[in-house]
Amino acid sequence: MKRTKKQLLALASLISLVVALLAVSTTVIGENDSALHQELARARNATAKYHDVDQAVADGYVNTGYIAGEGFEYIKGSLIDCTFDLERPEAVHYVPSGSELKLVGVEYIIPIACTATQPAGFSGDSDEWEFGAEGFPVWALNAWLWLGNPNGIFADPPHPRIP
C-alpha cells in the first residue's frame, strides 16, 4: 500500500503523541514500577463501586463537607487506624458533575500517634504523605485514581482541576 506524505506525517504525529503520553504517564506516577502499577490497579478495582456515592454511604462513608482542591470528602472513621490498606481507603473524594457527584480520588489516613515517620504505603517512593493534614494529627496520602493530576497521582492537594 502506497502512503502519501500527508498520511506519513499524520502517522509520525500519532507515534510522537503516544510516546509523549507514555512519558507523561511515567512522570506522573514517578517511576515505572510494575508493583506500583499493580497496586494502583488493585486500589481502582476496590474503589470502583464508589463511583456511586450511595454505595459509599451504604458502606459507612460520611460526607464531612467540601474541601477546596479536594472536593467533597467522605470519611469512614472506623478505618482510621495504624494500618495502610490500599483496598480500603479511609476517605473518598467527589466533585459535582451535573446533578451527580463524580469520584475523583481516595485518601489514606494514619494517625501520627502510630508512627513519627512517614508511613509505608504504595511500592516505591512516589507516594507523598502529608504530615498534619488539614490541621489534624494524621498522616494523609491522596491518590487521584479517577481524575488525572498533572502534578502526580499522589500529589498533595490542592488538585489543580478541582476548585
N, C-alpha and C. Protein backbone atom coordinates (compact mmCIF):
# COMPACT_ATOMS: atom_id res chain seq x y z
N MET A 1 0.85 -1.16 0.00
CA MET A 1 0.00 0.00 0.00
C MET A 1 0.90 1.24 0.00
N LYS A 2 0.63 2.11 -0.92
CA LYS A 2 1.41 3.33 -1.04
C LYS A 2 0.80 4.39 -0.15
N ARG A 3 1.65 5.05 0.66
CA ARG A 3 1.16 6.09 1.57
C ARG A 3 1.59 7.45 1.05
N THR A 4 0.71 8.41 1.26
CA THR A 4 1.03 9.77 0.86
C THR A 4 1.86 10.43 1.94
N LYS A 5 2.47 11.53 1.57
CA LYS A 5 3.29 12.28 2.52
C LYS A 5 2.43 12.74 3.70
N LYS A 6 1.20 13.13 3.42
CA LYS A 6 0.27 13.58 4.47
C LYS A 6 -0.01 12.44 5.46
N GLN A 7 -0.23 11.24 4.95
CA GLN A 7 -0.51 10.09 5.81
C GLN A 7 0.70 9.75 6.67
N LEU A 8 1.89 9.81 6.08
CA LEU A 8 3.11 9.53 6.85
C LEU A 8 3.33 10.57 7.94
N LEU A 9 3.06 11.83 7.65
CA LEU A 9 3.18 12.89 8.67
C LEU A 9 2.16 12.67 9.78
N ALA A 10 0.95 12.29 9.41
CA ALA A 10 -0.08 12.02 10.41
C ALA A 10 0.33 10.85 11.30
N LEU A 11 0.86 9.80 10.69
CA LEU A 11 1.31 8.63 11.44
C LEU A 11 2.46 9.01 12.38
N ALA A 12 3.41 9.78 11.88
CA ALA A 12 4.54 10.22 12.71
C ALA A 12 4.04 11.07 13.88
N SER A 13 3.05 11.92 13.65
CA SER A 13 2.48 12.74 14.71
C SER A 13 1.80 11.87 15.76
N LEU A 14 1.09 10.85 15.30
CA LEU A 14 0.41 9.95 16.22
C LEU A 14 1.42 9.20 17.08
N ILE A 15 2.48 8.71 16.47
CA ILE A 15 3.53 8.00 17.22
C ILE A 15 4.17 8.93 18.24
N SER A 16 4.45 10.16 17.84
CA SER A 16 5.04 11.14 18.77
C SER A 16 4.11 11.40 19.94
N LEU A 17 2.81 11.49 19.66
CA LEU A 17 1.84 11.73 20.73
C LEU A 17 1.81 10.56 21.71
N VAL A 18 1.81 9.34 21.21
CA VAL A 18 1.81 8.16 22.08
C VAL A 18 3.06 8.12 22.94
N VAL A 19 4.21 8.40 22.34
CA VAL A 19 5.46 8.42 23.09
C VAL A 19 5.41 9.49 24.17
N ALA A 20 4.88 10.67 23.84
CA ALA A 20 4.77 11.76 24.83
C ALA A 20 3.83 11.38 25.95
N LEU A 21 2.71 10.75 25.62
CA LEU A 21 1.76 10.34 26.67
C LEU A 21 2.37 9.29 27.58
N LEU A 22 3.13 8.36 27.01
CA LEU A 22 3.79 7.36 27.85
C LEU A 22 4.81 8.02 28.78
N ALA A 23 5.51 9.00 28.30
CA ALA A 23 6.49 9.71 29.12
C ALA A 23 5.80 10.46 30.24
N VAL A 24 4.67 11.11 29.94
CA VAL A 24 3.92 11.84 30.97
C VAL A 24 3.37 10.86 31.98
N SER A 25 2.84 9.74 31.53
CA SER A 25 2.30 8.73 32.44
C SER A 25 3.36 8.26 33.42
N THR A 26 4.55 8.00 32.94
CA THR A 26 5.63 7.55 33.81
C THR A 26 6.04 8.65 34.77
N THR A 27 6.09 9.89 34.30
CA THR A 27 6.47 11.02 35.14
C THR A 27 5.43 11.24 36.23
N VAL A 28 4.14 11.16 35.87
CA VAL A 28 3.08 11.40 36.84
C VAL A 28 3.15 10.36 37.96
N ILE A 29 3.39 9.11 37.63
CA ILE A 29 3.49 8.08 38.66
C ILE A 29 4.83 8.21 39.38
N GLY A 30 5.82 8.69 38.70
CA GLY A 30 7.10 8.92 39.34
C GLY A 30 8.10 7.81 39.09
N GLU A 31 7.66 6.70 38.56
CA GLU A 31 8.56 5.60 38.28
C GLU A 31 7.84 4.58 37.43
N ASN A 32 8.58 3.73 36.82
CA ASN A 32 7.99 2.67 36.01
C ASN A 32 8.12 1.37 36.79
N ASP A 33 7.33 1.23 37.82
CA ASP A 33 7.43 0.12 38.75
C ASP A 33 6.20 -0.76 38.60
N SER A 34 6.39 -1.99 38.18
CA SER A 34 5.24 -2.87 37.94
C SER A 34 4.48 -3.15 39.24
N ALA A 35 5.16 -3.24 40.38
CA ALA A 35 4.47 -3.46 41.64
C ALA A 35 3.54 -2.29 41.95
N LEU A 36 4.01 -1.07 41.72
CA LEU A 36 3.19 0.11 41.94
C LEU A 36 1.99 0.10 41.01
N HIS A 37 2.19 -0.21 39.75
CA HIS A 37 1.08 -0.25 38.79
C HIS A 37 0.05 -1.29 39.21
N GLN A 38 0.50 -2.43 39.69
CA GLN A 38 -0.42 -3.47 40.15
C GLN A 38 -1.20 -3.00 41.38
N GLU A 39 -0.52 -2.32 42.28
CA GLU A 39 -1.20 -1.81 43.49
C GLU A 39 -2.23 -0.75 43.12
N LEU A 40 -1.89 0.14 42.19
CA LEU A 40 -2.86 1.15 41.76
C LEU A 40 -4.07 0.50 41.11
N ALA A 41 -3.85 -0.55 40.35
CA ALA A 41 -4.96 -1.29 39.74
C ALA A 41 -5.84 -1.92 40.82
N ARG A 42 -5.22 -2.48 41.85
CA ARG A 42 -5.99 -3.06 42.97
C ARG A 42 -6.80 -1.99 43.67
N ALA A 43 -6.20 -0.81 43.88
CA ALA A 43 -6.92 0.29 44.55
C ALA A 43 -8.10 0.75 43.70
N ARG A 44 -7.90 0.85 42.39
CA ARG A 44 -9.00 1.24 41.49
C ARG A 44 -10.11 0.19 41.51
N ASN A 45 -9.73 -1.08 41.41
CA ASN A 45 -10.73 -2.15 41.42
C ASN A 45 -11.54 -2.14 42.71
N ALA A 46 -10.87 -1.94 43.82
CA ALA A 46 -11.54 -1.96 45.12
C ALA A 46 -12.47 -0.77 45.33
N THR A 47 -12.15 0.35 44.69
CA THR A 47 -12.95 1.56 44.91
C THR A 47 -13.88 1.89 43.75
N ALA A 48 -13.87 1.11 42.70
CA ALA A 48 -14.73 1.38 41.54
C ALA A 48 -16.20 1.45 41.93
N LYS A 49 -16.61 0.68 42.91
CA LYS A 49 -18.01 0.68 43.32
C LYS A 49 -18.43 2.04 43.88
N TYR A 50 -17.45 2.85 44.30
CA TYR A 50 -17.78 4.15 44.88
C TYR A 50 -18.01 5.24 43.84
N HIS A 51 -18.01 4.85 42.56
CA HIS A 51 -18.46 5.81 41.55
C HIS A 51 -19.91 6.17 41.86
N ASP A 52 -20.61 5.27 42.53
CA ASP A 52 -21.96 5.53 43.03
C ASP A 52 -21.82 5.97 44.49
N VAL A 53 -22.00 7.27 44.73
CA VAL A 53 -21.82 7.81 46.08
C VAL A 53 -22.75 7.13 47.08
N ASP A 54 -23.92 6.68 46.63
CA ASP A 54 -24.83 5.97 47.54
C ASP A 54 -24.20 4.69 48.07
N GLN A 55 -23.34 4.06 47.28
CA GLN A 55 -22.64 2.85 47.74
C GLN A 55 -21.64 3.21 48.83
N ALA A 56 -20.96 4.35 48.66
CA ALA A 56 -20.01 4.80 49.69
C ALA A 56 -20.75 5.06 51.01
N VAL A 57 -21.89 5.72 50.91
CA VAL A 57 -22.69 6.00 52.12
C VAL A 57 -23.17 4.69 52.75
N ALA A 58 -23.64 3.76 51.92
CA ALA A 58 -24.09 2.47 52.43
C ALA A 58 -22.96 1.71 53.12
N ASP A 59 -21.72 1.93 52.67
CA ASP A 59 -20.57 1.26 53.28
C ASP A 59 -20.01 2.02 54.49
N GLY A 60 -20.67 3.11 54.89
CA GLY A 60 -20.27 3.80 56.11
C GLY A 60 -19.49 5.08 55.94
N TYR A 61 -19.27 5.53 54.71
CA TYR A 61 -18.56 6.79 54.49
C TYR A 61 -19.53 7.95 54.74
N VAL A 62 -19.05 8.97 55.44
CA VAL A 62 -19.88 10.11 55.85
C VAL A 62 -19.32 11.38 55.21
N ASN A 63 -20.21 12.17 54.61
CA ASN A 63 -19.81 13.43 53.99
C ASN A 63 -19.40 14.41 55.08
N THR A 64 -18.14 14.84 55.04
CA THR A 64 -17.64 15.80 56.04
C THR A 64 -17.52 17.21 55.46
N GLY A 65 -17.99 17.38 54.22
CA GLY A 65 -18.00 18.71 53.62
C GLY A 65 -17.06 18.83 52.44
N TYR A 66 -17.06 20.04 51.87
CA TYR A 66 -16.27 20.33 50.68
C TYR A 66 -14.94 20.94 51.10
N ILE A 67 -13.86 20.45 50.51
CA ILE A 67 -12.53 20.98 50.76
C ILE A 67 -11.99 21.47 49.42
N ALA A 68 -11.65 22.75 49.36
CA ALA A 68 -11.12 23.31 48.12
C ALA A 68 -9.91 22.50 47.67
N GLY A 69 -9.86 22.14 46.40
CA GLY A 69 -8.75 21.39 45.85
C GLY A 69 -8.83 19.89 46.08
N GLU A 70 -9.86 19.44 46.80
CA GLU A 70 -10.06 18.01 47.04
C GLU A 70 -11.46 17.55 46.67
N GLY A 71 -12.44 18.42 46.85
CA GLY A 71 -13.83 18.07 46.59
C GLY A 71 -14.55 17.69 47.87
N PHE A 72 -15.71 17.06 47.70
CA PHE A 72 -16.46 16.59 48.86
C PHE A 72 -15.73 15.38 49.43
N GLU A 73 -15.47 15.43 50.73
CA GLU A 73 -14.73 14.36 51.38
C GLU A 73 -15.69 13.51 52.20
N TYR A 74 -15.69 12.22 51.90
CA TYR A 74 -16.48 11.25 52.65
C TYR A 74 -15.49 10.38 53.41
N ILE A 75 -15.62 10.34 54.73
CA ILE A 75 -14.69 9.61 55.58
C ILE A 75 -15.40 8.45 56.27
N LYS A 76 -14.69 7.34 56.38
CA LYS A 76 -15.16 6.19 57.16
C LYS A 76 -14.25 6.09 58.37
N GLY A 77 -14.71 6.66 59.48
CA GLY A 77 -13.90 6.77 60.69
C GLY A 77 -13.41 5.45 61.24
N SER A 78 -14.19 4.39 61.05
CA SER A 78 -13.79 3.09 61.60
C SER A 78 -12.55 2.52 60.92
N LEU A 79 -12.18 3.09 59.76
CA LEU A 79 -10.98 2.62 59.07
C LEU A 79 -9.72 3.35 59.50
N ILE A 80 -9.88 4.44 60.26
CA ILE A 80 -8.70 5.22 60.67
C ILE A 80 -8.01 4.47 61.81
N ASP A 81 -6.89 3.87 61.48
CA ASP A 81 -6.12 3.09 62.44
C ASP A 81 -4.66 3.15 62.03
N CYS A 82 -3.88 2.24 62.51
CA CYS A 82 -2.43 2.27 62.25
C CYS A 82 -2.01 1.45 61.04
N THR A 83 -2.95 1.02 60.22
CA THR A 83 -2.61 0.20 59.07
C THR A 83 -2.93 0.89 57.76
N PHE A 84 -2.11 0.60 56.76
CA PHE A 84 -2.34 1.06 55.40
C PHE A 84 -2.90 -0.11 54.61
N ASP A 85 -4.11 0.04 54.11
CA ASP A 85 -4.74 -0.98 53.28
C ASP A 85 -5.16 -0.32 51.99
N LEU A 86 -4.42 -0.56 50.92
CA LEU A 86 -4.67 0.16 49.68
C LEU A 86 -6.04 -0.12 49.10
N GLU A 87 -6.70 -1.19 49.52
CA GLU A 87 -8.04 -1.51 49.02
C GLU A 87 -9.15 -0.95 49.91
N ARG A 88 -8.78 -0.32 51.02
CA ARG A 88 -9.77 0.24 51.94
C ARG A 88 -9.34 1.64 52.38
N PRO A 89 -9.50 2.62 51.52
CA PRO A 89 -9.11 3.99 51.88
C PRO A 89 -10.04 4.55 52.96
N GLU A 90 -9.48 5.38 53.80
CA GLU A 90 -10.27 5.99 54.87
C GLU A 90 -11.20 7.08 54.36
N ALA A 91 -10.91 7.64 53.20
CA ALA A 91 -11.75 8.70 52.63
C ALA A 91 -11.85 8.54 51.12
N VAL A 92 -12.97 8.99 50.58
CA VAL A 92 -13.17 9.06 49.13
C VAL A 92 -13.58 10.50 48.80
N HIS A 93 -13.17 10.97 47.63
CA HIS A 93 -13.40 12.37 47.24
C HIS A 93 -14.22 12.45 45.96
N TYR A 94 -15.15 13.42 45.96
CA TYR A 94 -16.06 13.62 44.83
C TYR A 94 -16.10 15.09 44.44
N VAL A 95 -16.42 15.33 43.16
CA VAL A 95 -16.70 16.68 42.69
C VAL A 95 -18.06 16.67 42.01
N PRO A 96 -18.73 17.82 42.04
CA PRO A 96 -20.02 17.89 41.35
C PRO A 96 -19.83 17.68 39.85
N SER A 97 -20.74 16.93 39.26
CA SER A 97 -20.74 16.68 37.82
C SER A 97 -22.20 16.64 37.39
N GLY A 98 -22.69 17.77 36.88
CA GLY A 98 -24.11 17.86 36.57
C GLY A 98 -24.89 17.79 37.87
N SER A 99 -25.86 16.89 37.92
CA SER A 99 -26.67 16.74 39.14
C SER A 99 -26.16 15.63 40.04
N GLU A 100 -24.99 15.07 39.71
CA GLU A 100 -24.44 13.96 40.48
C GLU A 100 -23.05 14.31 41.01
N LEU A 101 -22.49 13.39 41.75
CA LEU A 101 -21.11 13.53 42.22
C LEU A 101 -20.23 12.53 41.48
N LYS A 102 -19.04 12.98 41.11
CA LYS A 102 -18.09 12.14 40.37
C LYS A 102 -16.92 11.81 41.29
N LEU A 103 -16.61 10.52 41.41
CA LEU A 103 -15.46 10.07 42.20
C LEU A 103 -14.17 10.51 41.53
N VAL A 104 -13.29 11.18 42.30
CA VAL A 104 -12.03 11.65 41.72
C VAL A 104 -10.80 11.04 42.37
N GLY A 105 -10.92 10.63 43.62
CA GLY A 105 -9.76 10.08 44.28
C GLY A 105 -10.09 9.51 45.65
N VAL A 106 -9.06 9.00 46.28
CA VAL A 106 -9.19 8.43 47.61
C VAL A 106 -8.10 9.01 48.50
N GLU A 107 -8.28 8.82 49.79
CA GLU A 107 -7.28 9.31 50.74
C GLU A 107 -7.08 8.26 51.83
N TYR A 108 -5.82 8.04 52.13
CA TYR A 108 -5.44 7.12 53.19
C TYR A 108 -5.01 7.96 54.38
N ILE A 109 -5.45 7.58 55.58
CA ILE A 109 -5.20 8.38 56.77
C ILE A 109 -4.67 7.47 57.88
N ILE A 110 -3.55 7.88 58.47
CA ILE A 110 -2.96 7.15 59.59
C ILE A 110 -2.62 8.17 60.68
N PRO A 111 -3.10 7.94 61.90
CA PRO A 111 -2.78 8.88 62.98
C PRO A 111 -1.27 9.00 63.21
N ILE A 112 -0.83 10.20 63.51
CA ILE A 112 0.59 10.45 63.80
C ILE A 112 1.03 9.63 65.02
N ALA A 113 0.11 9.37 65.94
CA ALA A 113 0.45 8.58 67.12
C ALA A 113 0.94 7.17 66.75
N CYS A 114 0.59 6.71 65.56
CA CYS A 114 1.02 5.37 65.12
C CYS A 114 2.46 5.34 64.65
N THR A 115 2.92 6.45 64.10
CA THR A 115 4.28 6.49 63.56
C THR A 115 4.76 7.93 63.44
N ALA A 116 5.95 8.17 63.92
CA ALA A 116 6.52 9.52 63.83
C ALA A 116 7.12 9.78 62.45
N THR A 117 7.33 8.71 61.69
CA THR A 117 7.91 8.86 60.36
C THR A 117 6.85 8.51 59.31
N GLN A 118 7.12 8.95 58.11
CA GLN A 118 6.17 8.71 57.01
C GLN A 118 5.80 7.23 56.94
N PRO A 119 4.49 6.93 56.90
CA PRO A 119 4.08 5.52 56.84
C PRO A 119 4.51 4.85 55.54
N ALA A 120 4.61 3.54 55.60
CA ALA A 120 4.83 2.77 54.38
C ALA A 120 3.50 2.75 53.64
N GLY A 121 3.54 2.97 52.37
CA GLY A 121 2.31 2.99 51.58
C GLY A 121 2.48 2.14 50.34
N PHE A 122 2.31 2.77 49.19
CA PHE A 122 2.47 2.07 47.93
C PHE A 122 3.94 1.76 47.69
N SER A 123 4.20 0.80 46.82
CA SER A 123 5.59 0.44 46.47
C SER A 123 6.31 1.63 45.87
N GLY A 124 7.61 1.66 46.07
CA GLY A 124 8.41 2.75 45.54
C GLY A 124 8.37 3.95 46.46
N ASP A 125 8.84 5.07 45.95
CA ASP A 125 8.91 6.25 46.80
C ASP A 125 8.16 7.44 46.20
N SER A 126 7.17 7.16 45.35
CA SER A 126 6.45 8.26 44.71
C SER A 126 5.26 8.76 45.51
N ASP A 127 4.82 7.99 46.52
CA ASP A 127 3.69 8.49 47.31
C ASP A 127 4.17 9.59 48.26
N GLU A 128 3.34 10.61 48.43
CA GLU A 128 3.69 11.81 49.20
C GLU A 128 2.74 11.95 50.39
N TRP A 129 3.12 11.39 51.52
CA TRP A 129 2.31 11.50 52.73
C TRP A 129 2.42 12.92 53.27
N GLU A 130 1.30 13.47 53.68
CA GLU A 130 1.27 14.82 54.25
C GLU A 130 1.17 14.72 55.77
N PHE A 131 2.11 15.35 56.46
CA PHE A 131 2.14 15.36 57.92
C PHE A 131 1.21 16.44 58.44
N GLY A 132 0.32 16.11 59.38
CA GLY A 132 -0.59 17.10 59.94
C GLY A 132 -1.60 17.61 58.92
N ALA A 133 -2.11 16.71 58.11
CA ALA A 133 -3.03 17.08 57.04
C ALA A 133 -4.26 17.80 57.58
N GLU A 134 -4.56 18.93 56.95
CA GLU A 134 -5.73 19.75 57.28
C GLU A 134 -5.77 20.12 58.76
N GLY A 135 -4.60 20.19 59.38
CA GLY A 135 -4.51 20.59 60.78
C GLY A 135 -4.79 19.49 61.78
N PHE A 136 -4.96 18.26 61.33
CA PHE A 136 -5.23 17.14 62.22
C PHE A 136 -3.95 16.35 62.49
N PRO A 137 -3.88 15.65 63.61
CA PRO A 137 -2.67 14.86 63.93
C PRO A 137 -2.66 13.54 63.17
N VAL A 138 -2.58 13.65 61.85
CA VAL A 138 -2.60 12.47 61.00
C VAL A 138 -1.60 12.63 59.86
N TRP A 139 -1.23 11.49 59.30
CA TRP A 139 -0.55 11.42 58.02
C TRP A 139 -1.65 11.16 56.99
N ALA A 140 -1.59 11.81 55.86
CA ALA A 140 -2.60 11.58 54.81
C ALA A 140 -1.91 11.43 53.46
N LEU A 141 -2.45 10.53 52.67
CA LEU A 141 -1.95 10.29 51.33
C LEU A 141 -3.12 10.31 50.36
N ASN A 142 -3.12 11.27 49.45
CA ASN A 142 -4.14 11.32 48.41
C ASN A 142 -3.67 10.52 47.22
N ALA A 143 -4.60 9.80 46.62
CA ALA A 143 -4.33 9.07 45.37
C ALA A 143 -5.44 9.47 44.40
N TRP A 144 -5.07 10.20 43.38
CA TRP A 144 -6.02 10.70 42.39
C TRP A 144 -6.26 9.61 41.36
N LEU A 145 -6.96 8.57 41.78
CA LEU A 145 -7.17 7.38 40.95
C LEU A 145 -8.12 7.61 39.79
N TRP A 146 -9.02 8.56 39.93
CA TRP A 146 -10.11 8.70 38.96
C TRP A 146 -10.10 10.05 38.23
N LEU A 147 -9.21 10.95 38.58
CA LEU A 147 -9.08 12.24 37.89
C LEU A 147 -7.60 12.55 37.79
N GLY A 148 -7.07 12.48 36.58
CA GLY A 148 -5.64 12.72 36.39
C GLY A 148 -5.20 14.04 37.00
N ASN A 149 -4.04 14.02 37.62
CA ASN A 149 -3.47 15.22 38.23
C ASN A 149 -2.12 15.46 37.56
N PRO A 150 -1.96 16.63 36.90
CA PRO A 150 -0.69 16.89 36.23
C PRO A 150 0.50 16.95 37.18
N ASN A 151 0.24 17.10 38.48
CA ASN A 151 1.32 17.15 39.46
C ASN A 151 1.71 15.77 39.97
N GLY A 152 0.96 14.75 39.59
CA GLY A 152 1.26 13.39 40.01
C GLY A 152 0.07 12.72 40.67
N ILE A 153 0.02 11.42 40.56
CA ILE A 153 -1.12 10.68 41.10
C ILE A 153 -1.20 10.80 42.62
N PHE A 154 -0.07 11.02 43.29
CA PHE A 154 -0.05 11.14 44.74
C PHE A 154 0.18 12.58 45.22
N ALA A 155 0.06 13.54 44.34
CA ALA A 155 0.36 14.93 44.70
C ALA A 155 -0.55 15.43 45.82
N ASP A 156 0.05 16.17 46.74
CA ASP A 156 -0.73 16.79 47.81
C ASP A 156 -1.74 17.76 47.22
N PRO A 157 -2.88 17.92 47.88
CA PRO A 157 -3.84 18.94 47.45
C PRO A 157 -3.21 20.32 47.57
N PRO A 158 -3.69 21.26 46.81
CA PRO A 158 -4.90 21.18 46.01
C PRO A 158 -4.64 20.57 44.63
N HIS A 159 -5.63 19.84 44.17
CA HIS A 159 -5.63 19.30 42.81
C HIS A 159 -5.97 20.48 41.89
N PRO A 160 -5.15 20.75 40.88
CA PRO A 160 -5.37 21.94 40.04
C PRO A 160 -6.65 21.91 39.22
N ARG A 161 -7.30 20.76 39.10
CA ARG A 161 -8.53 20.67 38.32
C ARG A 161 -9.78 20.65 39.20
N ILE A 162 -9.58 20.83 40.52
CA ILE A 162 -10.71 20.84 41.44
C ILE A 162 -10.76 22.21 42.13
N PRO A 163 -11.86 22.94 41.92
CA PRO A 163 -11.96 24.28 42.55
C PRO A 163 -12.05 24.22 44.06
